[in-house]
Amino acid sequence: MKRTQNDRNRLVRPLHGPTAGGILPMANPREDEVSRSEDITAEAPMQITRTGAKLVVKAPAKLNLFLEVLGRRDDGYHDIESVFQTVSLFDEITLEPADAEIRFSTDSDDVPCDGTNLVVQTAELLRKHAGRQLGAVIELTKNIPVGAGMGGGSSDAAAALVALNQLWKLDLPREELHKIAEQIGSDVPFFLYGGTAVCRGRGERVEPIANVRALNTLVVYPGIEVSTRRVYENLPVTLTRDVCDIRLFLTKLIKQQGCQDPPQFFNRLEAVTVGLYESLNLLRRKMKESGLRNVIMTGSGSAFFGIIPDEKEVRRIAEELTQEDVGEVFIVRSIH
């Protein structure tokens, strides 16, 4: 039976494997369980495991630590400057070779299985690029909330691109995969790199950043699926005049001393989204009152996140917000 988003909203699922109290620990897969492809996966954030002909790839979520909108472009998109960060919440995609057919399925009723799905589009585009009638059976297990601003669909597409490149033995270099990713979606290229990166243009121009300390964050998804298009359509022109300087943010981000000294996050879209979905204002207030630092929205919403000031406070904050019934709670760590 497929799970709906409402089913997931009743769960506290910060990460992997249940523990007492319903709070889940931060964990990483064992290194001996992870198989890296020769080129792309050695640097991409996805972890690929192989069992016979079957590949299983984990696609990470992202948070926007900084997001400024510079203006509207002639093609209808907006130019942005943003700092993306992959975090330890993953969708899982299983792929097996098939004869000249793409068959896609998922456990979530919130995700379409037709040609509008980014994973399906990715498979079709890649085999067209290869000029061969290649096939695959693809199964998607959703953990990243839909419409949350956490990049689940884009990450799934990038993970499928990386895994199919390996499954079909195409051996395309990352530069070539990047060009294909740009055709799929604005955020897809970032997930070929992962970690911390500055993304410009529509988001497709990716500049990885090294030496950024890991942050422990708590994310709340309130069960509201936000339309990114609607948010940008309601972005006042005046909001883009006084541009927030990303260079100052990056300086503070690199110099920070971990969760006790986080930089001030920024998201130009937050005021717009909260104006469209007023219940998000209450969520933001409750998260600040819980003791989280630098509470901010990610992407175009609807998920909000904040820095966990002290690991001893993780359980208390998560349980407090869960009792407030604010939505689905995740405890995640930045991954590089």
C-alpha atoms as a PDB file:
ATOM      1  CA  MET A   1       0.000   0.000   0.000  1.00  0.00           C
ATOM      2  CA  LYS A   2       1.311   3.442  -0.869  1.00  0.00           C
ATOM      3  CA  ARG A   3       1.975   6.023   1.818  1.00  0.00           C
ATOM      4  CA  THR A   4       0.507   9.498   1.594  1.00  0.00           C
ATOM      5  CA  GLN A   5       2.092  12.639   2.963  1.00  0.00           C
ATOM      6  CA  ASN A   6      -0.500  12.666   5.754  1.00  0.00           C
ATOM      7  CA  ASP A   7       0.640   9.203   6.815  1.00  0.00           C
ATOM      8  CA  ARG A   8       4.191  10.471   7.141  1.00  0.00           C
ATOM      9  CA  ASN A   9       3.144  13.602   9.015  1.00  0.00           C
ATOM     10  CA  ARG A  10       2.008  11.452  11.936  1.00  0.00           C
ATOM     11  CA  LEU A  11       5.546  10.172  12.418  1.00  0.00           C
ATOM     12  CA  VAL A  12       8.605  11.653  14.069  1.00  0.00           C
ATOM     13  CA  ARG A  13      11.321  10.563  11.660  1.00  0.00           C
ATOM     14  CA  PRO A  14      14.506  12.504  12.074  1.00  0.00           C
ATOM     15  CA  LEU A  15      16.694   9.786  10.577  1.00  0.00           C
ATOM     16  CA  HIS A  16      17.409   6.052  10.455  1.00  0.00           C
ATOM     17  CA  GLY A  17      16.147   3.295  12.769  1.00  0.00           C
ATOM     18  CA  PRO A  18      13.853   3.728  15.784  1.00  0.00           C
ATOM     19  CA  THR A  19      15.092   4.330  19.298  1.00  0.00           C
ATOM     20  CA  ALA A  20      13.361   4.955  22.593  1.00  0.00           C
ATOM     21  CA  GLY A  21      11.039   7.924  22.613  1.00  0.00           C
ATOM     22  CA  GLY A  22      10.653   7.994  18.834  1.00  0.00           C
ATOM     23  CA  ILE A  23      13.735  10.171  18.309  1.00  0.00           C
ATOM     24  CA  LEU A  24      16.095   8.810  15.707  1.00  0.00           C
ATOM     25  CA  PRO A  25      19.911   9.074  15.825  1.00  0.00           C
ATOM     26  CA  MET A  26      22.160  10.620  13.199  1.00  0.00           C
ATOM     27  CA  ALA A  27      23.980   7.863  11.358  1.00  0.00           C
ATOM     28  CA  ASN A  28      26.009   7.191   8.246  1.00  0.00           C
ATOM     29  CA  PRO A  29      26.171   3.989   6.198  1.00  0.00           C
ATOM     30  CA  ARG A  30      29.140   1.712   6.814  1.00  0.00           C
ATOM     31  CA  GLU A  31      31.912   2.397   4.340  1.00  0.00           C
ATOM     32  CA  ASP A  32      32.169  -1.275   3.377  1.00  0.00           C
ATOM     33  CA  GLU A  33      28.533  -1.243   2.274  1.00  0.00           C
ATOM     34  CA  VAL A  34      29.015   1.656  -0.156  1.00  0.00           C
ATOM     35  CA  SER A  35      30.206   1.149  -3.711  1.00  0.00           C
ATOM     36  CA  ARG A  36      31.473   4.232  -5.535  1.00  0.00           C
ATOM     37  CA  SER A  37      31.453   4.521  -9.304  1.00  0.00           C
ATOM     38  CA  GLU A  38      34.817   5.371 -10.870  1.00  0.00           C
ATOM     39  CA  ASP A  39      34.030   8.976 -11.797  1.00  0.00           C
ATOM     40  CA  ILE A  40      30.887  10.711 -10.703  1.00  0.00           C
ATOM     41  CA  THR A  41      29.876   8.960  -7.488  1.00  0.00           C
ATOM     42  CA  ALA A  42      33.275   9.363  -5.923  1.00  0.00           C
ATOM     43  CA  GLU A  43      32.422  13.040  -5.476  1.00  0.00           C
ATOM     44  CA  ALA A  44      28.640  13.117  -5.585  1.00  0.00           C
ATOM     45  CA  PRO A  45      26.709  12.926  -2.294  1.00  0.00           C
ATOM     46  CA  MET A  46      24.790   9.804  -3.299  1.00  0.00           C
ATOM     47  CA  GLN A  47      25.774   6.469  -1.845  1.00  0.00           C
ATOM     48  CA  ILE A  48      25.374   3.582  -4.280  1.00  0.00           C
ATOM     49  CA  THR A  49      25.272  -0.082  -3.320  1.00  0.00           C
ATOM     50  CA  ARG A  50      25.231  -2.941  -5.812  1.00  0.00           C
ATOM     51  CA  THR A  51      23.708  -6.385  -5.405  1.00  0.00           C
ATOM     52  CA  GLY A  52      24.199  -8.369  -8.588  1.00  0.00           C
ATOM     53  CA  ALA A  53      22.687  -6.292 -11.390  1.00  0.00           C
ATOM     54  CA  LYS A  54      20.646  -4.168  -8.976  1.00  0.00           C
ATOM     55  CA  LEU A  55      21.733  -0.703  -7.822  1.00  0.00           C
ATOM     56  CA  VAL A  56      20.404   1.107  -4.754  1.00  0.00           C
ATOM     57  CA  VAL A  57      21.167   4.811  -4.490  1.00  0.00           C
ATOM     58  CA  LYS A  58      20.426   7.216  -1.621  1.00  0.00           C
ATOM     59  CA  ALA A  59      19.434  10.734  -2.668  1.00  0.00           C
ATOM     60  CA  PRO A  60      19.971  13.418   0.008  1.00  0.00           C
ATOM     61  CA  ALA A  61      17.769  16.384   0.857  1.00  0.00           C
ATOM     62  CA  LYS A  62      19.106  19.940   0.847  1.00  0.00           C
ATOM     63  CA  LEU A  63      18.644  23.080   2.900  1.00  0.00           C
ATOM     64  CA  ASN A  64      19.136  26.650   1.697  1.00  0.00           C
ATOM     65  CA  LEU A  65      21.367  28.427   4.193  1.00  0.00           C
ATOM     66  CA  PHE A  66      21.191  31.612   2.124  1.00  0.00           C
ATOM     67  CA  LEU A  67      18.846  32.547  -0.715  1.00  0.00           C
ATOM     68  CA  GLU A  68      18.745  35.913  -2.468  1.00  0.00           C
ATOM     69  CA  VAL A  69      16.719  36.723  -5.585  1.00  0.00           C
ATOM     70  CA  LEU A  70      18.583  39.113  -7.867  1.00  0.00           C
ATOM     71  CA  GLY A  71      15.861  39.732 -10.447  1.00  0.00           C
ATOM     72  CA  ARG A  72      13.633  38.305 -13.123  1.00  0.00           C
ATOM     73  CA  ARG A  73      15.209  37.075 -16.356  1.00  0.00           C
ATOM     74  CA  ASP A  74      13.950  37.446 -19.915  1.00  0.00           C
ATOM     75  CA  ASP A  75      13.149  33.716 -20.020  1.00  0.00           C
ATOM     76  CA  GLY A  76      10.746  34.044 -17.075  1.00  0.00           C
ATOM     77  CA  TYR A  77      13.060  32.501 -14.497  1.00  0.00           C
ATOM     78  CA  HIS A  78      14.760  34.424 -11.692  1.00  0.00           C
ATOM     79  CA  ASP A  79      18.471  34.828 -11.096  1.00  0.00           C
ATOM     80  CA  ILE A  80      19.431  33.747  -7.601  1.00  0.00           C
ATOM     81  CA  GLU A  81      22.436  33.502  -5.323  1.00  0.00           C
ATOM     82  CA  SER A  82      22.049  30.699  -2.841  1.00  0.00           C
ATOM     83  CA  VAL A  83      24.079  28.504  -0.526  1.00  0.00           C
ATOM     84  CA  PHE A  84      22.867  24.901  -0.764  1.00  0.00           C
ATOM     85  CA  GLN A  85      23.711  22.259   1.820  1.00  0.00           C
ATOM     86  CA  THR A  86      23.033  18.526   1.554  1.00  0.00           C
ATOM     87  CA  VAL A  87      21.762  16.926   4.763  1.00  0.00           C
ATOM     88  CA  SER A  88      21.341  13.418   6.129  1.00  0.00           C
ATOM     89  CA  LEU A  89      17.776  12.711   5.056  1.00  0.00           C
ATOM     90  CA  PHE A  90      17.516  10.446   2.020  1.00  0.00           C
ATOM     91  CA  ASP A  91      15.122   9.105  -0.565  1.00  0.00           C
ATOM     92  CA  GLU A  92      16.107   5.675  -1.870  1.00  0.00           C
ATOM     93  CA  ILE A  93      16.024   4.576  -5.506  1.00  0.00           C
ATOM     94  CA  THR A  94      16.415   0.975  -6.662  1.00  0.00           C
ATOM     95  CA  LEU A  95      17.317   0.345 -10.299  1.00  0.00           C
ATOM     96  CA  GLU A  96      17.563  -2.830 -12.367  1.00  0.00           C
ATOM     97  CA  PRO A  97      18.261  -3.232 -16.091  1.00  0.00           C
ATOM     98  CA  ALA A  98      15.332  -4.003 -18.393  1.00  0.00           C
ATOM     99  CA  ASP A  99      14.751  -4.431 -22.123  1.00  0.00           C
ATOM    100  CA  ALA A 100      14.152  -1.074 -23.877  1.00  0.00           C
ATOM    101  CA  GLU A 101      11.517   0.144 -21.401  1.00  0.00           C
ATOM    102  CA  ILE A 102      11.435   2.543 -18.449  1.00  0.00           C
ATOM    103  CA  ARG A 103       9.175   1.243 -15.669  1.00  0.00           C
ATOM    104  CA  PHE A 104       8.818   3.513 -12.640  1.00  0.00           C
ATOM    105  CA  SER A 105       6.976   2.988  -9.348  1.00  0.00           C
ATOM    106  CA  THR A 106       6.954   4.612  -5.908  1.00  0.00           C
ATOM    107  CA  ASP A 107       5.549   4.032  -2.427  1.00  0.00           C
ATOM    108  CA  SER A 108       4.134   7.575  -2.263  1.00  0.00           C
ATOM    109  CA  ASP A 109       0.770   8.758  -3.548  1.00  0.00           C
ATOM    110  CA  ASP A 110       2.199  12.291  -3.598  1.00  0.00           C
ATOM    111  CA  VAL A 111       4.567  11.436  -6.457  1.00  0.00           C
ATOM    112  CA  PRO A 112       3.349  10.938 -10.072  1.00  0.00           C
ATOM    113  CA  CYS A 113       4.502   7.866 -11.978  1.00  0.00           C
ATOM    114  CA  ASP A 114       3.996   9.241 -15.488  1.00  0.00           C
ATOM    115  CA  GLY A 115       6.160  11.390 -17.738  1.00  0.00           C
ATOM    116  CA  THR A 116       5.814  14.404 -15.439  1.00  0.00           C
ATOM    117  CA  ASN A 117       8.033  12.692 -12.856  1.00  0.00           C
ATOM    118  CA  LEU A 118      11.607  14.005 -12.911  1.00  0.00           C
ATOM    119  CA  VAL A 119      13.110  10.537 -12.510  1.00  0.00           C
ATOM    120  CA  VAL A 120      11.205   9.298 -15.562  1.00  0.00           C
ATOM    121  CA  GLN A 121      12.214  12.414 -17.498  1.00  0.00           C
ATOM    122  CA  THR A 122      15.828  11.833 -16.492  1.00  0.00           C
ATOM    123  CA  ALA A 123      15.817   8.240 -17.726  1.00  0.00           C
ATOM    124  CA  GLU A 124      14.213   9.208 -21.028  1.00  0.00           C
ATOM    125  CA  LEU A 125      16.612  12.103 -21.568  1.00  0.00           C
ATOM    126  CA  LEU A 126      19.694  10.031 -20.735  1.00  0.00           C
ATOM    127  CA  ARG A 127      18.854   7.188 -23.087  1.00  0.00           C
ATOM    128  CA  LYS A 128      18.035   9.709 -25.825  1.00  0.00           C
ATOM    129  CA  HIS A 129      21.424  11.298 -25.200  1.00  0.00           C
ATOM    130  CA  ALA A 130      23.044   7.852 -25.437  1.00  0.00           C
ATOM    131  CA  GLY A 131      21.176   7.112 -28.674  1.00  0.00           C
ATOM    132  CA  ARG A 132      20.217   3.638 -27.488  1.00  0.00           C
ATOM    133  CA  GLN A 133      16.944   1.983 -26.497  1.00  0.00           C
ATOM    134  CA  LEU A 134      18.033   1.236 -22.962  1.00  0.00           C
ATOM    135  CA  GLY A 135      15.644   0.104 -20.234  1.00  0.00           C
ATOM    136  CA  ALA A 136      15.355   0.066 -16.463  1.00  0.00           C
ATOM    137  CA  VAL A 137      12.985  -0.813 -13.638  1.00  0.00           C
ATOM    138  CA  ILE A 138      13.085   2.031 -11.132  1.00  0.00           C
ATOM    139  CA  GLU A 139      11.512   2.035  -7.655  1.00  0.00           C
ATOM    140  CA  LEU A 140      11.466   5.139  -5.469  1.00  0.00           C
ATOM    141  CA  THR A 141      11.038   5.092  -1.697  1.00  0.00           C
ATOM    142  CA  LYS A 142      10.170   8.607  -0.459  1.00  0.00           C
ATOM    143  CA  ASN A 143      11.423  10.002   2.826  1.00  0.00           C
ATOM    144  CA  ILE A 144      12.023  13.617   1.818  1.00  0.00           C
ATOM    145  CA  PRO A 145       8.716  15.539   2.072  1.00  0.00           C
ATOM    146  CA  VAL A 146       7.097  16.723  -1.163  1.00  0.00           C
ATOM    147  CA  GLY A 147       6.714  20.473  -1.676  1.00  0.00           C
ATOM    148  CA  ALA A 148       8.900  21.270   1.336  1.00  0.00           C
ATOM    149  CA  GLY A 149      11.724  23.194  -0.355  1.00  0.00           C
ATOM    150  CA  MET A 150      14.181  20.391   0.437  1.00  0.00           C
ATOM    151  CA  GLY A 151      14.915  19.423  -3.166  1.00  0.00           C
ATOM    152  CA  GLY A 152      13.603  15.867  -3.023  1.00  0.00           C
ATOM    153  CA  GLY A 153      12.493  15.698  -6.652  1.00  0.00           C
ATOM    154  CA  SER A 154      15.702  17.278  -7.937  1.00  0.00           C
ATOM    155  CA  SER A 155      17.855  14.997  -5.798  1.00  0.00           C
ATOM    156  CA  ASP A 156      15.958  11.946  -7.024  1.00  0.00           C
ATOM    157  CA  ALA A 157      16.563  13.053 -10.612  1.00  0.00           C
ATOM    158  CA  ALA A 158      20.290  13.565 -10.011  1.00  0.00           C
ATOM    159  CA  ALA A 159      20.562  10.217  -8.236  1.00  0.00           C
ATOM    160  CA  ALA A 160      18.813   8.489 -11.141  1.00  0.00           C
ATOM    161  CA  LEU A 161      21.153  10.229 -13.585  1.00  0.00           C
ATOM    162  CA  VAL A 162      24.250   9.056 -11.707  1.00  0.00           C
ATOM    163  CA  ALA A 163      22.949   5.528 -11.166  1.00  0.00           C
ATOM    164  CA  LEU A 164      21.706   5.028 -14.746  1.00  0.00           C
ATOM    165  CA  ASN A 165      25.030   6.250 -16.074  1.00  0.00           C
ATOM    166  CA  GLN A 166      26.556   3.384 -14.108  1.00  0.00           C
ATOM    167  CA  LEU A 167      23.788   0.831 -14.712  1.00  0.00           C
ATOM    168  CA  TRP A 168      23.912   1.360 -18.478  1.00  0.00           C
ATOM    169  CA  LYS A 169      27.731   1.531 -18.510  1.00  0.00           C
ATOM    170  CA  LEU A 170      27.728   4.870 -20.339  1.00  0.00           C
ATOM    171  CA  ASP A 171      30.731   6.261 -18.415  1.00  0.00           C
ATOM    172  CA  LEU A 172      29.750   9.873 -19.057  1.00  0.00           C
ATOM    173  CA  PRO A 173      31.918  12.392 -17.162  1.00  0.00           C
ATOM    174  CA  ARG A 174      30.393  14.776 -14.638  1.00  0.00           C
ATOM    175  CA  GLU A 175      30.639  17.733 -17.031  1.00  0.00           C
ATOM    176  CA  GLU A 176      28.419  15.931 -19.510  1.00  0.00           C
ATOM    177  CA  LEU A 177      25.975  14.825 -16.811  1.00  0.00           C
ATOM    178  CA  HIS A 178      25.839  18.431 -15.584  1.00  0.00           C
ATOM    179  CA  LYS A 179      24.627  19.593 -19.007  1.00  0.00           C
ATOM    180  CA  ILE A 180      21.913  16.934 -18.989  1.00  0.00           C
ATOM    181  CA  ALA A 181      20.940  17.859 -15.417  1.00  0.00           C
ATOM    182  CA  GLU A 182      20.409  21.500 -16.451  1.00  0.00           C
ATOM    183  CA  GLN A 183      17.697  20.352 -18.860  1.00  0.00           C
ATOM    184  CA  ILE A 184      15.840  18.501 -16.095  1.00  0.00           C
ATOM    185  CA  GLY A 185      15.585  21.194 -13.436  1.00  0.00           C
ATOM    186  CA  SER A 186      17.343  24.202 -11.923  1.00  0.00           C
ATOM    187  CA  ASP A 187      18.407  22.441  -8.704  1.00  0.00           C
ATOM    188  CA  VAL A 188      19.385  19.112 -10.259  1.00  0.00           C
ATOM    189  CA  PRO A 189      23.022  20.026 -11.106  1.00  0.00           C
ATOM    190  CA  PHE A 190      23.799  20.852  -7.465  1.00  0.00           C
ATOM    191  CA  PHE A 191      23.103  17.280  -6.377  1.00  0.00           C
ATOM    192  CA  LEU A 192      25.849  16.027  -8.688  1.00  0.00           C
ATOM    193  CA  TYR A 193      28.254  17.769  -6.293  1.00  0.00           C
ATOM    194  CA  GLY A 194      26.479  17.910  -2.939  1.00  0.00           C
ATOM    195  CA  GLY A 195      28.069  19.184   0.248  1.00  0.00           C
ATOM    196  CA  THR A 196      28.065  22.977   0.525  1.00  0.00           C
ATOM    197  CA  ALA A 197      27.904  25.034  -2.657  1.00  0.00           C
ATOM    198  CA  VAL A 198      27.042  28.478  -3.978  1.00  0.00           C
ATOM    199  CA  CYS A 199      24.462  28.195  -6.743  1.00  0.00           C
ATOM    200  CA  ARG A 200      23.840  31.043  -9.172  1.00  0.00           C
ATOM    201  CA  GLY A 201      21.831  31.696 -12.326  1.00  0.00           C
ATOM    202  CA  ARG A 202      18.663  29.634 -12.081  1.00  0.00           C
ATOM    203  CA  GLY A 203      20.631  27.473  -9.639  1.00  0.00           C
ATOM    204  CA  GLU A 204      22.479  25.528 -12.314  1.00  0.00           C
ATOM    205  CA  ARG A 205      25.851  27.284 -11.864  1.00  0.00           C
ATOM    206  CA  VAL A 206      27.443  25.394  -8.994  1.00  0.00           C
ATOM    207  CA  GLU A 207      30.540  26.397  -7.042  1.00  0.00           C
ATOM    208  CA  PRO A 208      31.392  23.885  -4.280  1.00  0.00           C
ATOM    209  CA  ILE A 209      32.736  25.266  -0.990  1.00  0.00           C
ATOM    210  CA  ALA A 210      35.229  23.348   1.128  1.00  0.00           C
ATOM    211  CA  ASN A 211      36.093  23.526   4.828  1.00  0.00           C
ATOM    212  CA  VAL A 212      32.598  24.277   6.117  1.00  0.00           C
ATOM    213  CA  ARG A 213      31.915  22.829   9.567  1.00  0.00           C
ATOM    214  CA  ALA A 214      29.016  20.413   9.954  1.00  0.00           C
ATOM    215  CA  LEU A 215      25.796  21.781  11.419  1.00  0.00           C
ATOM    216  CA  ASN A 216      23.177  19.862  13.380  1.00  0.00           C
ATOM    217  CA  THR A 217      19.738  21.109  12.437  1.00  0.00           C
ATOM    218  CA  LEU A 218      16.134  20.321  13.213  1.00  0.00           C
ATOM    219  CA  VAL A 219      13.692  20.534  10.314  1.00  0.00           C
ATOM    220  CA  VAL A 220       9.909  20.728  10.526  1.00  0.00           C
ATOM    221  CA  TYR A 221       7.669  20.024   7.543  1.00  0.00           C
ATOM    222  CA  PRO A 222       4.146  21.284   8.341  1.00  0.00           C
ATOM    223  CA  GLY A 223       2.379  19.187   5.708  1.00  0.00           C
ATOM    224  CA  ILE A 224       1.812  22.122   3.341  1.00  0.00           C
ATOM    225  CA  GLU A 225       2.895  21.551  -0.253  1.00  0.00           C
ATOM    226  CA  VAL A 226       4.047  24.938  -1.545  1.00  0.00           C
ATOM    227  CA  SER A 227       4.008  25.893  -5.228  1.00  0.00           C
ATOM    228  CA  THR A 228       7.396  27.388  -6.088  1.00  0.00           C
ATOM    229  CA  ARG A 229       5.907  29.078  -9.151  1.00  0.00           C
ATOM    230  CA  ARG A 230       3.237  30.770  -7.040  1.00  0.00           C
ATOM    231  CA  VAL A 231       5.846  32.082  -4.603  1.00  0.00           C
ATOM    232  CA  TYR A 232       7.980  33.609  -7.356  1.00  0.00           C
ATOM    233  CA  GLU A 233       4.915  35.081  -9.049  1.00  0.00           C
ATOM    234  CA  ASN A 234       4.116  36.907  -5.804  1.00  0.00           C
ATOM    235  CA  LEU A 235       7.657  38.171  -5.222  1.00  0.00           C
ATOM    236  CA  PRO A 236       7.465  41.983  -5.182  1.00  0.00           C
ATOM    237  CA  VAL A 237       9.921  43.720  -7.475  1.00  0.00           C
ATOM    238  CA  THR A 238      10.972  46.000  -4.607  1.00  0.00           C
ATOM    239  CA  LEU A 239      12.253  43.006  -2.633  1.00  0.00           C
ATOM    240  CA  THR A 240      15.101  42.547  -5.103  1.00  0.00           C
ATOM    241  CA  ARG A 241      16.450  46.111  -4.875  1.00  0.00           C
ATOM    242  CA  ASP A 242      18.408  45.933  -1.621  1.00  0.00           C
ATOM    243  CA  VAL A 243      20.471  42.830  -2.293  1.00  0.00           C
ATOM    244  CA  CYS A 244      21.844  40.896   0.673  1.00  0.00           C
ATOM    245  CA  ASP A 245      25.591  40.360   0.226  1.00  0.00           C
ATOM    246  CA  ILE A 246      26.407  36.662  -0.080  1.00  0.00           C
ATOM    247  CA  ARG A 247      30.130  37.355   0.411  1.00  0.00           C
ATOM    248  CA  LEU A 248      29.620  38.444   4.009  1.00  0.00           C
ATOM    249  CA  PHE A 249      27.546  35.325   4.673  1.00  0.00           C
ATOM    250  CA  LEU A 250      30.186  33.034   3.184  1.00  0.00           C
ATOM    251  CA  THR A 251      32.921  34.649   5.270  1.00  0.00           C
ATOM    252  CA  LYS A 252      30.962  34.007   8.456  1.00  0.00           C
ATOM    253  CA  LEU A 253      29.972  30.489   7.347  1.00  0.00           C
ATOM    254  CA  ILE A 254      33.569  29.428   6.744  1.00  0.00           C
ATOM    255  CA  LYS A 255      34.837  31.043   9.952  1.00  0.00           C
ATOM    256  CA  GLN A 256      32.089  29.639  12.185  1.00  0.00           C
ATOM    257  CA  GLN A 257      33.046  27.348  15.050  1.00  0.00           C
ATOM    258  CA  GLY A 258      30.217  24.823  14.652  1.00  0.00           C
ATOM    259  CA  CYS A 259      26.705  24.908  16.091  1.00  0.00           C
ATOM    260  CA  GLN A 260      27.667  27.262  18.911  1.00  0.00           C
ATOM    261  CA  ASP A 261      28.623  29.975  16.428  1.00  0.00           C
ATOM    262  CA  PRO A 262      26.283  29.715  13.417  1.00  0.00           C
ATOM    263  CA  PRO A 263      25.987  32.480  10.819  1.00  0.00           C
ATOM    264  CA  GLN A 264      22.684  34.301  10.366  1.00  0.00           C
ATOM    265  CA  PHE A 265      20.760  32.474   7.656  1.00  0.00           C
ATOM    266  CA  PHE A 266      18.806  34.425   5.034  1.00  0.00           C
ATOM    267  CA  ASN A 267      15.938  33.635   2.665  1.00  0.00           C
ATOM    268  CA  ARG A 268      14.396  36.317   0.472  1.00  0.00           C
ATOM    269  CA  LEU A 269      11.377  34.097  -0.279  1.00  0.00           C
ATOM    270  CA  GLU A 270      10.339  33.516   3.332  1.00  0.00           C
ATOM    271  CA  ALA A 271       8.192  36.644   3.723  1.00  0.00           C
ATOM    272  CA  VAL A 272       6.383  35.872   0.477  1.00  0.00           C
ATOM    273  CA  THR A 273       5.622  32.258   1.369  1.00  0.00           C
ATOM    274  CA  VAL A 274       4.511  33.113   4.910  1.00  0.00           C
ATOM    275  CA  GLY A 275       2.230  35.779   3.424  1.00  0.00           C
ATOM    276  CA  LEU A 276       0.625  33.153   1.189  1.00  0.00           C
ATOM    277  CA  TYR A 277       0.420  30.468   3.891  1.00  0.00           C
ATOM    278  CA  GLU A 278      -0.210  32.300   7.176  1.00  0.00           C
ATOM    279  CA  SER A 279      -0.038  29.159   9.351  1.00  0.00           C
ATOM    280  CA  LEU A 280       3.719  29.083   8.686  1.00  0.00           C
ATOM    281  CA  ASN A 281       4.102  32.151  10.883  1.00  0.00           C
ATOM    282  CA  LEU A 282       2.885  30.116  13.875  1.00  0.00           C
ATOM    283  CA  LEU A 283       5.297  27.296  13.006  1.00  0.00           C
ATOM    284  CA  ARG A 284       8.204  29.724  12.855  1.00  0.00           C
ATOM    285  CA  ARG A 285       7.301  31.226  16.216  1.00  0.00           C
ATOM    286  CA  LYS A 286       6.998  27.841  17.943  1.00  0.00           C
ATOM    287  CA  MET A 287      10.356  26.729  16.572  1.00  0.00           C
ATOM    288  CA  LYS A 288      12.031  29.897  17.893  1.00  0.00           C
ATOM    289  CA  GLU A 289      10.372  29.463  21.279  1.00  0.00           C
ATOM    290  CA  SER A 290      11.665  25.875  21.479  1.00  0.00           C
ATOM    291  CA  GLY A 291      15.245  27.136  21.681  1.00  0.00           C
ATOM    292  CA  LEU A 292      16.352  26.563  18.078  1.00  0.00           C
ATOM    293  CA  ARG A 293      18.737  29.163  16.686  1.00  0.00           C
ATOM    294  CA  ASN A 294      18.512  31.012  13.365  1.00  0.00           C
ATOM    295  CA  VAL A 295      15.126  29.561  12.394  1.00  0.00           C
ATOM    296  CA  ILE A 296      14.575  30.053   8.659  1.00  0.00           C
ATOM    297  CA  MET A 297      12.585  28.610   5.762  1.00  0.00           C
ATOM    298  CA  THR A 298      14.348  26.473   3.167  1.00  0.00           C
ATOM    299  CA  GLY A 299      13.811  27.124  -0.539  1.00  0.00           C
ATOM    300  CA  SER A 300      10.306  28.339  -1.319  1.00  0.00           C
ATOM    301  CA  GLY A 301       8.991  26.381   1.691  1.00  0.00           C
ATOM    302  CA  SER A 302       7.115  25.042   3.443  1.00  0.00           C
ATOM    303  CA  ALA A 303       9.758  23.404   5.666  1.00  0.00           C
ATOM    304  CA  PHE A 304      11.591  25.476   8.286  1.00  0.00           C
ATOM    305  CA  PHE A 305      14.824  24.581  10.038  1.00  0.00           C
ATOM    306  CA  GLY A 306      16.967  25.839  12.884  1.00  0.00           C
ATOM    307  CA  ILE A 307      20.319  25.134  14.479  1.00  0.00           C
ATOM    308  CA  ILE A 308      20.345  22.777  17.467  1.00  0.00           C
ATOM    309  CA  PRO A 309      22.303  24.792  20.061  1.00  0.00           C
ATOM    310  CA  ASP A 310      23.266  21.830  22.234  1.00  0.00           C
ATOM    311  CA  GLU A 311      23.085  18.122  21.376  1.00  0.00           C
ATOM    312  CA  LYS A 312      21.750  17.508  24.898  1.00  0.00           C
ATOM    313  CA  GLU A 313      18.677  19.518  23.885  1.00  0.00           C
ATOM    314  CA  VAL A 314      17.868  17.485  20.766  1.00  0.00           C
ATOM    315  CA  ARG A 315      15.355  15.140  22.355  1.00  0.00           C
ATOM    316  CA  ARG A 316      13.619  17.839  24.372  1.00  0.00           C
ATOM    317  CA  ILE A 317      13.155  20.169  21.397  1.00  0.00           C
ATOM    318  CA  ALA A 318      12.012  17.390  19.049  1.00  0.00           C
ATOM    319  CA  GLU A 319       9.511  16.009  21.559  1.00  0.00           C
ATOM    320  CA  GLU A 320       8.223  19.482  22.424  1.00  0.00           C
ATOM    321  CA  LEU A 321       7.560  20.333  18.776  1.00  0.00           C
ATOM    322  CA  THR A 322       6.015  16.922  18.162  1.00  0.00           C
ATOM    323  CA  GLN A 323       3.601  17.465  21.060  1.00  0.00           C
ATOM    324  CA  GLU A 324       2.738  20.862  19.567  1.00  0.00           C
ATOM    325  CA  ASP A 325       1.642  18.943  16.436  1.00  0.00           C
ATOM    326  CA  VAL A 326       3.476  21.335  14.146  1.00  0.00           C
ATOM    327  CA  GLY A 327       4.200  18.676  11.534  1.00  0.00           C
ATOM    328  CA  GLU A 328       6.856  16.120  10.686  1.00  0.00           C
ATOM    329  CA  VAL A 329      10.115  16.569  12.613  1.00  0.00           C
ATOM    330  CA  PHE A 330      13.567  15.600  11.320  1.00  0.00           C
ATOM    331  CA  ILE A 331      16.942  15.845  13.019  1.00  0.00           C
ATOM    332  CA  VAL A 332      19.621  16.078  10.344  1.00  0.00           C
ATOM    333  CA  ARG A 333      23.319  16.790   9.987  1.00  0.00           C
ATOM    334  CA  SER A 334      25.003  18.511   7.076  1.00  0.00           C
ATOM    335  CA  ILE A 335      26.949  16.084   4.887  1.00  0.00           C
ATOM    336  CA  HIS A 336      29.969  16.870   2.708  1.00  0.00           C
END
